[in-house]
């Protein structure tokens, strides 16, 4: 290993879903069964992500994506970085997952 480089950490991700934390915070929930969860948390629950690095898909909240739509959250699938999605509060998580091209984890 060269000086300054760290060892690698393995993850089983096929893609990463980037969720704007600033948009999510502005909505103060709006997703999940009771409409009280943030989008990232609701998406993780729907996808069945329990062990983060072992999951097929990583859902990561990022600081700010700079779009700042009213009443919506900006989401990017890293596998398709040219297609940014604006997800309205209360949107169906199953529809969003299908649109992003991701599916719930198979039972482990």
PDB file of N, CA and C in Angstrom:
ATOM      1  N   UNK A   1       0.850  -1.181   0.000  1.00  0.00           N
ATOM      2  CA  UNK A   1       0.000   0.000   0.000  1.00  0.00           C
ATOM      3  C   UNK A   1       0.888   1.234   0.000  1.00  0.00           C
ATOM      4  N   UNK A   2       0.570   2.152  -0.895  1.00  0.00           N
ATOM      5  CA  UNK A   2       1.353   3.387  -0.975  1.00  0.00           C
ATOM      6  C   UNK A   2       1.083   4.276   0.223  1.00  0.00           C
ATOM      7  N   UNK A   3       2.024   5.153   0.524  1.00  0.00           N
ATOM      8  CA  UNK A   3       1.869   6.076   1.638  1.00  0.00           C
ATOM      9  C   UNK A   3       0.643   6.961   1.406  1.00  0.00           C
ATOM     10  N   UNK A   4      -0.177   7.120   2.431  1.00  0.00           N
ATOM     11  CA  UNK A   4      -1.347   7.983   2.341  1.00  0.00           C
ATOM     12  C   UNK A   4      -2.623   7.280   1.891  1.00  0.00           C
ATOM     13  N   UNK A   5      -2.511   6.071   1.328  1.00  0.00           N
ATOM     14  CA  UNK A   5      -3.706   5.349   0.897  1.00  0.00           C
ATOM     15  C   UNK A   5      -4.166   4.405   1.993  1.00  0.00           C
ATOM     16  N   UNK A   6      -5.454   4.323   2.144  1.00  0.00           N
ATOM     17  CA  UNK A   6      -6.012   3.423   3.154  1.00  0.00           C
ATOM     18  C   UNK A   6      -6.393   2.102   2.507  1.00  0.00           C
ATOM     19  N   UNK A   7      -6.545   1.090   3.320  1.00  0.00           N
ATOM     20  CA  UNK A   7      -6.989  -0.193   2.795  1.00  0.00           C
ATOM     21  C   UNK A   7      -8.436  -0.087   2.340  1.00  0.00           C
ATOM     22  N   UNK A   8      -8.844  -0.965   1.469  1.00  0.00           N
ATOM     23  CA  UNK A   8     -10.198  -0.951   0.933  1.00  0.00           C
ATOM     24  C   UNK A   8     -11.183  -1.583   1.904  1.00  0.00           C
ATOM     25  N   UNK A   9     -12.411  -1.094   1.880  1.00  0.00           N
ATOM     26  CA  UNK A   9     -13.499  -1.672   2.650  1.00  0.00           C
ATOM     27  C   UNK A   9     -14.513  -2.169   1.638  1.00  0.00           C
ATOM     28  N   UNK A  10     -14.883  -3.446   1.731  1.00  0.00           N
ATOM     29  CA  UNK A  10     -15.782  -4.047   0.761  1.00  0.00           C
ATOM     30  C   UNK A  10     -17.234  -3.718   1.071  1.00  0.00           C
ATOM     31  N   UNK A  11     -17.988  -3.425   0.028  1.00  0.00           N
ATOM     32  CA  UNK A  11     -19.435  -3.250   0.129  1.00  0.00           C
ATOM     33  C   UNK A  11     -20.067  -4.041  -1.018  1.00  0.00           C
ATOM     34  N   UNK A  12     -21.253  -4.581  -0.798  1.00  0.00           N
ATOM     35  CA  UNK A  12     -21.932  -5.402  -1.799  1.00  0.00           C
ATOM     36  C   UNK A  12     -22.915  -4.602  -2.651  1.00  0.00           C
ATOM     37  N   UNK A  13     -22.810  -3.297  -2.654  1.00  0.00           N
ATOM     38  CA  UNK A  13     -23.744  -2.440  -3.370  1.00  0.00           C
ATOM     39  C   UNK A  13     -23.657  -2.627  -4.875  1.00  0.00           C
ATOM     40  N   UNK A  14     -24.811  -2.617  -5.536  1.00  0.00           N
ATOM     41  CA  UNK A  14     -24.886  -2.567  -6.992  1.00  0.00           C
ATOM     42  C   UNK A  14     -24.979  -1.108  -7.431  1.00  0.00           C
ATOM     43  N   UNK A  15     -25.598  -0.282  -6.597  1.00  0.00           N
ATOM     44  CA  UNK A  15     -25.719   1.144  -6.852  1.00  0.00           C
ATOM     45  C   UNK A  15     -25.926   1.861  -5.527  1.00  0.00           C
ATOM     46  N   UNK A  16     -25.839   3.171  -5.574  1.00  0.00           N
ATOM     47  CA  UNK A  16     -26.109   4.007  -4.405  1.00  0.00           C
ATOM     48  C   UNK A  16     -27.221   4.981  -4.768  1.00  0.00           C
ATOM     49  N   UNK A  17     -28.149   5.171  -3.852  1.00  0.00           N
ATOM     50  CA  UNK A  17     -29.218   6.134  -4.019  1.00  0.00           C
ATOM     51  C   UNK A  17     -28.867   7.326  -3.141  1.00  0.00           C
ATOM     52  N   UNK A  18     -28.717   8.492  -3.750  1.00  0.00           N
ATOM     53  CA  UNK A  18     -28.366   9.710  -3.023  1.00  0.00           C
ATOM     54  C   UNK A  18     -29.639  10.494  -2.748  1.00  0.00           C
ATOM     55  N   UNK A  19     -29.879  10.806  -1.485  1.00  0.00           N
ATOM     56  CA  UNK A  19     -31.076  11.530  -1.075  1.00  0.00           C
ATOM     57  C   UNK A  19     -30.628  12.844  -0.441  1.00  0.00           C
ATOM     58  N   UNK A  20     -31.182  13.958  -0.898  1.00  0.00           N
ATOM     59  CA  UNK A  20     -30.803  15.271  -0.370  1.00  0.00           C
ATOM     60  C   UNK A  20     -31.309  15.416   1.069  1.00  0.00           C
ATOM     61  N   UNK A  21     -30.386  15.568   2.015  1.00  0.00           N
ATOM     62  CA  UNK A  21     -30.744  15.695   3.427  1.00  0.00           C
ATOM     63  C   UNK A  21     -31.424  17.028   3.706  1.00  0.00           C
ATOM     64  N   UNK A  22     -31.019  18.061   2.994  1.00  0.00           N
ATOM     65  CA  UNK A  22     -31.609  19.385   3.229  1.00  0.00           C
ATOM     66  C   UNK A  22     -33.082  19.395   2.814  1.00  0.00           C
ATOM     67  N   UNK A  23     -33.401  18.806   1.663  1.00  0.00           N
ATOM     68  CA  UNK A  23     -34.803  18.696   1.214  1.00  0.00           C
ATOM     69  C   UNK A  23     -35.614  17.890   2.222  1.00  0.00           C
ATOM     70  N   UNK A  24     -35.049  16.771   2.685  1.00  0.00           N
ATOM     71  CA  UNK A  24     -35.741  15.898   3.634  1.00  0.00           C
ATOM     72  C   UNK A  24     -36.017  16.626   4.940  1.00  0.00           C
ATOM     73  N   UNK A  25     -35.043  17.379   5.401  1.00  0.00           N
ATOM     74  CA  UNK A  25     -35.198  18.104   6.661  1.00  0.00           C
ATOM     75  C   UNK A  25     -36.294  19.162   6.546  1.00  0.00           C
ATOM     76  N   UNK A  26     -36.371  19.830   5.407  1.00  0.00           N
ATOM     77  CA  UNK A  26     -37.406  20.847   5.195  1.00  0.00           C
ATOM     78  C   UNK A  26     -38.809  20.256   5.256  1.00  0.00           C
ATOM     79  N   UNK A  27     -38.975  19.020   4.758  1.00  0.00           N
ATOM     80  CA  UNK A  27     -40.288  18.373   4.769  1.00  0.00           C
ATOM     81  C   UNK A  27     -40.661  17.854   6.152  1.00  0.00           C
ATOM     82  N   UNK A  28     -39.659  17.561   6.987  1.00  0.00           N
ATOM     83  CA  UNK A  28     -39.896  17.037   8.329  1.00  0.00           C
ATOM     84  C   UNK A  28     -40.765  15.789   8.281  1.00  0.00           C
ATOM     85  N   UNK A  29     -40.328  14.805   7.522  1.00  0.00           N
ATOM     86  CA  UNK A  29     -41.066  13.549   7.379  1.00  0.00           C
ATOM     87  C   UNK A  29     -41.765  13.511   6.030  1.00  0.00           C
ATOM     88  N   UNK A  30     -42.992  13.021   6.023  1.00  0.00           N
ATOM     89  CA  UNK A  30     -43.767  12.996   4.790  1.00  0.00           C
ATOM     90  C   UNK A  30     -43.780  11.656   4.076  1.00  0.00           C
ATOM     91  N   UNK A  31     -43.026  10.666   4.585  1.00  0.00           N
ATOM     92  CA  UNK A  31     -42.946   9.370   3.925  1.00  0.00           C
ATOM     93  C   UNK A  31     -43.152   8.259   4.941  1.00  0.00           C
ATOM     94  N   UNK A  32     -43.264   7.043   4.457  1.00  0.00           N
ATOM     95  CA  UNK A  32     -43.471   5.894   5.326  1.00  0.00           C
ATOM     96  C   UNK A  32     -44.952   5.653   5.562  1.00  0.00           C
ATOM     97  N   UNK A  33     -45.251   4.610   6.331  1.00  0.00           N
ATOM     98  CA  UNK A  33     -46.644   4.202   6.549  1.00  0.00           C
ATOM     99  C   UNK A  33     -47.490   5.287   7.201  1.00  0.00           C
ATOM    100  N   UNK A  34     -46.934   6.001   8.163  1.00  0.00           N
ATOM    101  CA  UNK A  34     -47.696   7.042   8.857  1.00  0.00           C
ATOM    102  C   UNK A  34     -47.339   8.448   8.369  1.00  0.00           C
ATOM    103  N   UNK A  35     -46.460   8.530   7.386  1.00  0.00           N
ATOM    104  CA  UNK A  35     -46.069   9.836   6.860  1.00  0.00           C
ATOM    105  C   UNK A  35     -45.168  10.636   7.769  1.00  0.00           C
ATOM    106  N   UNK A  36     -44.456   9.952   8.665  1.00  0.00           N
ATOM    107  CA  UNK A  36     -43.605  10.660   9.622  1.00  0.00           C
ATOM    108  C   UNK A  36     -42.115  10.411   9.422  1.00  0.00           C
ATOM    109  N   UNK A  37     -41.762   9.537   8.473  1.00  0.00           N
ATOM    110  CA  UNK A  37     -40.347   9.216   8.241  1.00  0.00           C
ATOM    111  C   UNK A  37     -39.766  10.111   7.157  1.00  0.00           C
ATOM    112  N   UNK A  38     -38.454  10.298   7.221  1.00  0.00           N
ATOM    113  CA  UNK A  38     -37.748  10.936   6.132  1.00  0.00           C
ATOM    114  C   UNK A  38     -37.668   9.976   4.958  1.00  0.00           C
ATOM    115  N   UNK A  39     -37.384  10.481   3.768  1.00  0.00           N
ATOM    116  CA  UNK A  39     -37.360   9.633   2.573  1.00  0.00           C
ATOM    117  C   UNK A  39     -36.290   8.548   2.654  1.00  0.00           C
ATOM    118  N   UNK A  40     -35.093   8.882   3.100  1.00  0.00           N
ATOM    119  CA  UNK A  40     -34.013   7.887   3.158  1.00  0.00           C
ATOM    120  C   UNK A  40     -34.390   6.737   4.093  1.00  0.00           C
ATOM    121  N   UNK A  41     -34.935   7.058   5.248  1.00  0.00           N
ATOM    122  CA  UNK A  41     -35.311   6.026   6.222  1.00  0.00           C
ATOM    123  C   UNK A  41     -36.450   5.160   5.677  1.00  0.00           C
ATOM    124  N   UNK A  42     -37.441   5.787   5.045  1.00  0.00           N
ATOM    125  CA  UNK A  42     -38.568   5.039   4.476  1.00  0.00           C
ATOM    126  C   UNK A  42     -38.103   4.130   3.349  1.00  0.00           C
ATOM    127  N   UNK A  43     -37.169   4.620   2.526  1.00  0.00           N
ATOM    128  CA  UNK A  43     -36.642   3.826   1.414  1.00  0.00           C
ATOM    129  C   UNK A  43     -35.838   2.634   1.937  1.00  0.00           C
ATOM    130  N   UNK A  44     -35.034   2.852   2.965  1.00  0.00           N
ATOM    131  CA  UNK A  44     -34.266   1.754   3.572  1.00  0.00           C
ATOM    132  C   UNK A  44     -35.214   0.700   4.142  1.00  0.00           C
ATOM    133  N   UNK A  45     -36.275   1.144   4.809  1.00  0.00           N
ATOM    134  CA  UNK A  45     -37.242   0.201   5.392  1.00  0.00           C
ATOM    135  C   UNK A  45     -37.932  -0.592   4.289  1.00  0.00           C
ATOM    136  N   UNK A  46     -38.353   0.064   3.222  1.00  0.00           N
ATOM    137  CA  UNK A  46     -39.023  -0.617   2.117  1.00  0.00           C
ATOM    138  C   UNK A  46     -38.095  -1.643   1.464  1.00  0.00           C
ATOM    139  N   UNK A  47     -36.834  -1.272   1.275  1.00  0.00           N
ATOM    140  CA  UNK A  47     -35.870  -2.148   0.616  1.00  0.00           C
ATOM    141  C   UNK A  47     -35.366  -3.262   1.536  1.00  0.00           C
ATOM    142  N   UNK A  48     -35.661  -3.172   2.816  1.00  0.00           N
ATOM    143  CA  UNK A  48     -35.233  -4.201   3.759  1.00  0.00           C
ATOM    144  C   UNK A  48     -33.755  -4.127   4.082  1.00  0.00           C
ATOM    145  N   UNK A  49     -33.195  -2.928   4.079  1.00  0.00           N
ATOM    146  CA  UNK A  49     -31.771  -2.760   4.353  1.00  0.00           C
ATOM    147  C   UNK A  49     -31.556  -2.765   5.861  1.00  0.00           C
ATOM    148  N   UNK A  50     -30.825  -3.778   6.321  1.00  0.00           N
ATOM    149  CA  UNK A  50     -30.515  -3.884   7.738  1.00  0.00           C
ATOM    150  C   UNK A  50     -29.006  -3.737   7.953  1.00  0.00           C
ATOM    151  N   UNK A  51     -28.243  -4.467   7.183  1.00  0.00           N
ATOM    152  CA  UNK A  51     -26.786  -4.384   7.293  1.00  0.00           C
ATOM    153  C   UNK A  51     -26.284  -3.550   6.121  1.00  0.00           C
ATOM    154  N   UNK A  52     -25.917  -2.338   6.401  1.00  0.00           N
ATOM    155  CA  UNK A  52     -25.672  -1.311   5.388  1.00  0.00           C
ATOM    156  C   UNK A  52     -24.692  -1.719   4.284  1.00  0.00           C
ATOM    157  N   UNK A  53     -23.486  -2.139   4.625  1.00  0.00           N
ATOM    158  CA  UNK A  53     -22.504  -2.498   3.594  1.00  0.00           C
ATOM    159  C   UNK A  53     -22.833  -3.800   2.895  1.00  0.00           C
ATOM    160  N   UNK A  54     -23.626  -4.660   3.525  1.00  0.00           N
ATOM    161  CA  UNK A  54     -23.982  -5.955   2.948  1.00  0.00           C
ATOM    162  C   UNK A  54     -25.203  -5.859   2.030  1.00  0.00           C
ATOM    163  N   UNK A  55     -25.878  -4.726   2.032  1.00  0.00           N
ATOM    164  CA  UNK A  55     -27.087  -4.547   1.217  1.00  0.00           C
ATOM    165  C   UNK A  55     -26.727  -4.484  -0.265  1.00  0.00           C
ATOM    166  N   UNK A  56     -27.697  -4.792  -1.102  1.00  0.00           N
ATOM    167  CA  UNK A  56     -27.515  -4.701  -2.553  1.00  0.00           C
ATOM    168  C   UNK A  56     -27.490  -3.247  -3.011  1.00  0.00           C
ATOM    169  N   UNK A  57     -28.209  -2.387  -2.283  1.00  0.00           N
ATOM    170  CA  UNK A  57     -28.328  -0.974  -2.637  1.00  0.00           C
ATOM    171  C   UNK A  57     -27.984  -0.138  -1.413  1.00  0.00           C
ATOM    172  N   UNK A  58     -27.185   0.895  -1.608  1.00  0.00           N
ATOM    173  CA  UNK A  58     -26.884   1.815  -0.520  1.00  0.00           C
ATOM    174  C   UNK A  58     -27.766   3.043  -0.650  1.00  0.00           C
ATOM    175  N   UNK A  59     -28.401   3.436   0.439  1.00  0.00           N
ATOM    176  CA  UNK A  59     -29.196   4.664   0.464  1.00  0.00           C
ATOM    177  C   UNK A  59     -28.441   5.635   1.359  1.00  0.00           C
ATOM    178  N   UNK A  60     -27.970   6.734   0.762  1.00  0.00           N
ATOM    179  CA  UNK A  60     -27.102   7.662   1.466  1.00  0.00           C
ATOM    180  C   UNK A  60     -27.692   9.068   1.410  1.00  0.00           C
ATOM    181  N   UNK A  61     -27.792   9.715   2.574  1.00  0.00           N
ATOM    182  CA  UNK A  61     -28.214  11.107   2.592  1.00  0.00           C
ATOM    183  C   UNK A  61     -26.972  11.968   2.363  1.00  0.00           C
ATOM    184  N   UNK A  62     -27.082  12.897   1.433  1.00  0.00           N
ATOM    185  CA  UNK A  62     -25.981  13.811   1.132  1.00  0.00           C
ATOM    186  C   UNK A  62     -26.398  15.218   1.525  1.00  0.00           C
ATOM    187  N   UNK A  63     -25.429  16.064   1.771  1.00  0.00           N
ATOM    188  CA  UNK A  63     -25.689  17.381   2.346  1.00  0.00           C
ATOM    189  C   UNK A  63     -26.723  18.205   1.581  1.00  0.00           C
ATOM    190  N   UNK A  64     -26.443  18.600   0.365  1.00  0.00           N
ATOM    191  CA  UNK A  64     -27.389  19.386  -0.427  1.00  0.00           C
ATOM    192  C   UNK A  64     -27.051  19.201  -1.897  1.00  0.00           C
ATOM    193  N   UNK A  65     -28.069  18.934  -2.702  1.00  0.00           N
ATOM    194  CA  UNK A  65     -27.856  18.734  -4.137  1.00  0.00           C
ATOM    195  C   UNK A  65     -28.115  20.001  -4.946  1.00  0.00           C
ATOM    196  N   UNK A  66     -28.564  21.071  -4.276  1.00  0.00           N
ATOM    197  CA  UNK A  66     -28.673  22.371  -4.916  1.00  0.00           C
ATOM    198  C   UNK A  66     -29.926  22.625  -5.730  1.00  0.00           C
ATOM    199  N   UNK A  67     -30.889  21.727  -5.733  1.00  0.00           N
ATOM    200  CA  UNK A  67     -32.123  21.944  -6.496  1.00  0.00           C
ATOM    201  C   UNK A  67     -33.158  22.655  -5.626  1.00  0.00           C
ATOM    202  N   UNK A  68     -33.352  22.190  -4.405  1.00  0.00           N
ATOM    203  CA  UNK A  68     -34.242  22.784  -3.405  1.00  0.00           C
ATOM    204  C   UNK A  68     -35.673  23.018  -3.885  1.00  0.00           C
ATOM    205  N   UNK A  69     -36.375  21.954  -4.347  1.00  0.00           N
ATOM    206  CA  UNK A  69     -37.773  22.117  -4.764  1.00  0.00           C
ATOM    207  C   UNK A  69     -38.691  22.233  -3.545  1.00  0.00           C
ATOM    208  N   UNK A  70     -39.770  22.963  -3.687  1.00  0.00           N
ATOM    209  CA  UNK A  70     -40.725  23.101  -2.575  1.00  0.00           C
ATOM    210  C   UNK A  70     -41.566  21.823  -2.459  1.00  0.00           C
ATOM    211  N   UNK A  71     -41.628  21.261  -1.250  1.00  0.00           N
ATOM    212  CA  UNK A  71     -42.465  20.103  -0.995  1.00  0.00           C
ATOM    213  C   UNK A  71     -41.989  18.808  -1.634  1.00  0.00           C
ATOM    214  N   UNK A  72     -40.735  18.773  -2.085  1.00  0.00           N
ATOM    215  CA  UNK A  72     -40.185  17.579  -2.737  1.00  0.00           C
ATOM    216  C   UNK A  72     -38.762  17.323  -2.245  1.00  0.00           C
ATOM    217  N   UNK A  73     -38.285  16.103  -2.496  1.00  0.00           N
ATOM    218  CA  UNK A  73     -36.925  15.713  -2.131  1.00  0.00           C
ATOM    219  C   UNK A  73     -36.198  15.296  -3.406  1.00  0.00           C
ATOM    220  N   UNK A  74     -34.978  15.775  -3.588  1.00  0.00           N
ATOM    221  CA  UNK A  74     -34.172  15.420  -4.752  1.00  0.00           C
ATOM    222  C   UNK A  74     -33.479  14.078  -4.483  1.00  0.00           C
ATOM    223  N   UNK A  75     -33.579  13.163  -5.477  1.00  0.00           N
ATOM    224  CA  UNK A  75     -33.010  11.819  -5.350  1.00  0.00           C
ATOM    225  C   UNK A  75     -32.256  11.468  -6.631  1.00  0.00           C
ATOM    226  N   UNK A  76     -31.098  10.826  -6.473  1.00  0.00           N
ATOM    227  CA  UNK A  76     -30.298  10.397  -7.623  1.00  0.00           C
ATOM    228  C   UNK A  76     -29.922   8.937  -7.455  1.00  0.00           C
ATOM    229  N   UNK A  77     -30.098   8.148  -8.509  1.00  0.00           N
ATOM    230  CA  UNK A  77     -29.561   6.788  -8.544  1.00  0.00           C
ATOM    231  C   UNK A  77     -28.178   6.922  -9.178  1.00  0.00           C
ATOM    232  N   UNK A  78     -27.137   6.539  -8.458  1.00  0.00           N
ATOM    233  CA  UNK A  78     -25.766   6.686  -8.947  1.00  0.00           C
ATOM    234  C   UNK A  78     -25.520   5.901 -10.234  1.00  0.00           C
ATOM    235  N   UNK A  79     -26.353   4.893 -10.513  1.00  0.00           N
ATOM    236  CA  UNK A  79     -26.222   4.122 -11.750  1.00  0.00           C
ATOM    237  C   UNK A  79     -26.727   4.921 -12.956  1.00  0.00           C
ATOM    238  N   UNK A  80     -27.522   5.959 -12.706  1.00  0.00           N
ATOM    239  CA  UNK A  80     -28.056   6.816 -13.774  1.00  0.00           C
ATOM    240  C   UNK A  80     -27.933   8.281 -13.328  1.00  0.00           C
ATOM    241  N   UNK A  81     -26.696   8.790 -13.237  1.00  0.00           N
ATOM    242  CA  UNK A  81     -26.483  10.122 -12.660  1.00  0.00           C
ATOM    243  C   UNK A  81     -27.023  11.289 -13.492  1.00  0.00           C
ATOM    244  N   UNK A  82     -27.459  11.032 -14.700  1.00  0.00           N
ATOM    245  CA  UNK A  82     -28.010  12.120 -15.520  1.00  0.00           C
ATOM    246  C   UNK A  82     -29.502  12.319 -15.279  1.00  0.00           C
ATOM    247  N   UNK A  83     -30.123  11.431 -14.502  1.00  0.00           N
ATOM    248  CA  UNK A  83     -31.567  11.505 -14.262  1.00  0.00           C
ATOM    249  C   UNK A  83     -31.850  11.741 -12.784  1.00  0.00           C
ATOM    250  N   UNK A  84     -32.060  12.985 -12.420  1.00  0.00           N
ATOM    251  CA  UNK A  84     -32.373  13.343 -11.050  1.00  0.00           C
ATOM    252  C   UNK A  84     -33.891  13.323 -10.884  1.00  0.00           C
ATOM    253  N   UNK A  85     -34.365  12.845  -9.764  1.00  0.00           N
ATOM    254  CA  UNK A  85     -35.810  12.743  -9.504  1.00  0.00           C
ATOM    255  C   UNK A  85     -36.207  13.738  -8.413  1.00  0.00           C
ATOM    256  N   UNK A  86     -37.367  14.337  -8.571  1.00  0.00           N
ATOM    257  CA  UNK A  86     -37.952  15.185  -7.533  1.00  0.00           C
ATOM    258  C   UNK A  86     -39.147  14.411  -6.990  1.00  0.00           C
ATOM    259  N   UNK A  87     -39.055  13.993  -5.739  1.00  0.00           N
ATOM    260  CA  UNK A  87     -40.062  13.124  -5.127  1.00  0.00           C
ATOM    261  C   UNK A  87     -40.945  13.954  -4.199  1.00  0.00           C
ATOM    262  N   UNK A  88     -42.239  14.063  -4.510  1.00  0.00           N
ATOM    263  CA  UNK A  88     -43.137  14.854  -3.661  1.00  0.00           C
ATOM    264  C   UNK A  88     -43.412  14.173  -2.321  1.00  0.00           C
ATOM    265  N   UNK A  89     -43.682  14.973  -1.316  1.00  0.00           N
ATOM    266  CA  UNK A  89     -44.042  14.456  -0.001  1.00  0.00           C
ATOM    267  C   UNK A  89     -45.223  13.515  -0.131  1.00  0.00           C
ATOM    268  N   UNK A  90     -45.155  12.373   0.547  1.00  0.00           N
ATOM    269  CA  UNK A  90     -46.235  11.405   0.518  1.00  0.00           C
ATOM    270  C   UNK A  90     -46.228  10.472  -0.674  1.00  0.00           C
ATOM    271  N   UNK A  91     -45.209  10.563  -1.518  1.00  0.00           N
ATOM    272  CA  UNK A  91     -45.122   9.690  -2.698  1.00  0.00           C
ATOM    273  C   UNK A  91     -45.033   8.228  -2.270  1.00  0.00           C
ATOM    274  N   UNK A  92     -45.549   7.339  -3.105  1.00  0.00           N
ATOM    275  CA  UNK A  92     -45.514   5.907  -2.832  1.00  0.00           C
ATOM    276  C   UNK A  92     -44.080   5.398  -2.995  1.00  0.00           C
ATOM    277  N   UNK A  93     -43.545   4.793  -1.941  1.00  0.00           N
ATOM    278  CA  UNK A  93     -42.150   4.326  -1.931  1.00  0.00           C
ATOM    279  C   UNK A  93     -41.948   3.184  -2.926  1.00  0.00           C
ATOM    280  N   UNK A  94     -42.940   2.308  -3.079  1.00  0.00           N
ATOM    281  CA  UNK A  94     -42.828   1.199  -4.040  1.00  0.00           C
ATOM    282  C   UNK A  94     -42.713   1.735  -5.461  1.00  0.00           C
ATOM    283  N   UNK A  95     -43.501   2.758  -5.792  1.00  0.00           N
ATOM    284  CA  UNK A  95     -43.423   3.380  -7.122  1.00  0.00           C
ATOM    285  C   UNK A  95     -42.069   4.043  -7.330  1.00  0.00           C
ATOM    286  N   UNK A  96     -41.573   4.721  -6.293  1.00  0.00           N
ATOM    287  CA  UNK A  96     -40.267   5.374  -6.384  1.00  0.00           C
ATOM    288  C   UNK A  96     -39.171   4.341  -6.624  1.00  0.00           C
ATOM    289  N   UNK A  97     -39.197   3.242  -5.865  1.00  0.00           N
ATOM    290  CA  UNK A  97     -38.190   2.197  -6.024  1.00  0.00           C
ATOM    291  C   UNK A  97     -38.215   1.642  -7.440  1.00  0.00           C
ATOM    292  N   UNK A  98     -39.407   1.413  -7.971  1.00  0.00           N
ATOM    293  CA  UNK A  98     -39.530   0.909  -9.345  1.00  0.00           C
ATOM    294  C   UNK A  98     -38.969   1.914 -10.345  1.00  0.00           C
ATOM    295  N   UNK A  99     -39.281   3.179 -10.152  1.00  0.00           N
ATOM    296  CA  UNK A  99     -38.780   4.238 -11.027  1.00  0.00           C
ATOM    297  C   UNK A  99     -37.255   4.314 -10.998  1.00  0.00           C
ATOM    298  N   UNK A 100     -36.686   4.099  -9.810  1.00  0.00           N
ATOM    299  CA  UNK A 100     -35.219   4.138  -9.648  1.00  0.00           C
ATOM    300  C   UNK A 100     -34.553   2.850 -10.126  1.00  0.00           C
ATOM    301  N   UNK A 101     -35.364   1.816 -10.406  1.00  0.00           N
ATOM    302  CA  UNK A 101     -34.816   0.545 -10.888  1.00  0.00           C
ATOM    303  C   UNK A 101     -34.223  -0.306  -9.780  1.00  0.00           C
ATOM    304  N   UNK A 102     -34.780  -0.178  -8.576  1.00  0.00           N
ATOM    305  CA  UNK A 102     -34.306  -0.984  -7.448  1.00  0.00           C
ATOM    306  C   UNK A 102     -35.485  -1.750  -6.866  1.00  0.00           C
ATOM    307  N   UNK A 103     -35.183  -2.843  -6.162  1.00  0.00           N
ATOM    308  CA  UNK A 103     -36.235  -3.693  -5.600  1.00  0.00           C
ATOM    309  C   UNK A 103     -35.848  -4.080  -4.184  1.00  0.00           C
ATOM    310  N   UNK A 104     -36.837  -4.490  -3.363  1.00  0.00           N
ATOM    311  CA  UNK A 104     -36.540  -4.923  -1.998  1.00  0.00           C
ATOM    312  C   UNK A 104     -35.557  -6.091  -1.970  1.00  0.00           C
ATOM    313  N   UNK A 105     -34.807  -6.187  -0.878  1.00  0.00           N
ATOM    314  CA  UNK A 105     -33.849  -7.272  -0.672  1.00  0.00           C
ATOM    315  C   UNK A 105     -34.578  -8.605  -0.597  1.00  0.00           C
ATOM    316  N   UNK A 106     -33.987  -9.641  -1.128  1.00  0.00           N
ATOM    317  CA  UNK A 106     -34.515 -10.997  -0.928  1.00  0.00           C
ATOM    318  C   UNK A 106     -34.213 -11.379   0.521  1.00  0.00           C
ATOM    319  N   UNK A 107     -35.021 -12.234   1.088  1.00  0.00           N
ATOM    320  CA  UNK A 107     -34.798 -12.670   2.471  1.00  0.00           C
ATOM    321  C   UNK A 107     -33.432 -13.343   2.587  1.00  0.00           C
ATOM    322  N   UNK A 108     -32.713 -12.961   3.632  1.00  0.00           N
ATOM    323  CA  UNK A 108     -31.360 -13.507   3.825  1.00  0.00           C
ATOM    324  C   UNK A 108     -31.387 -14.754   4.647  1.00  0.00           C
TER     325      UNK A 108
END
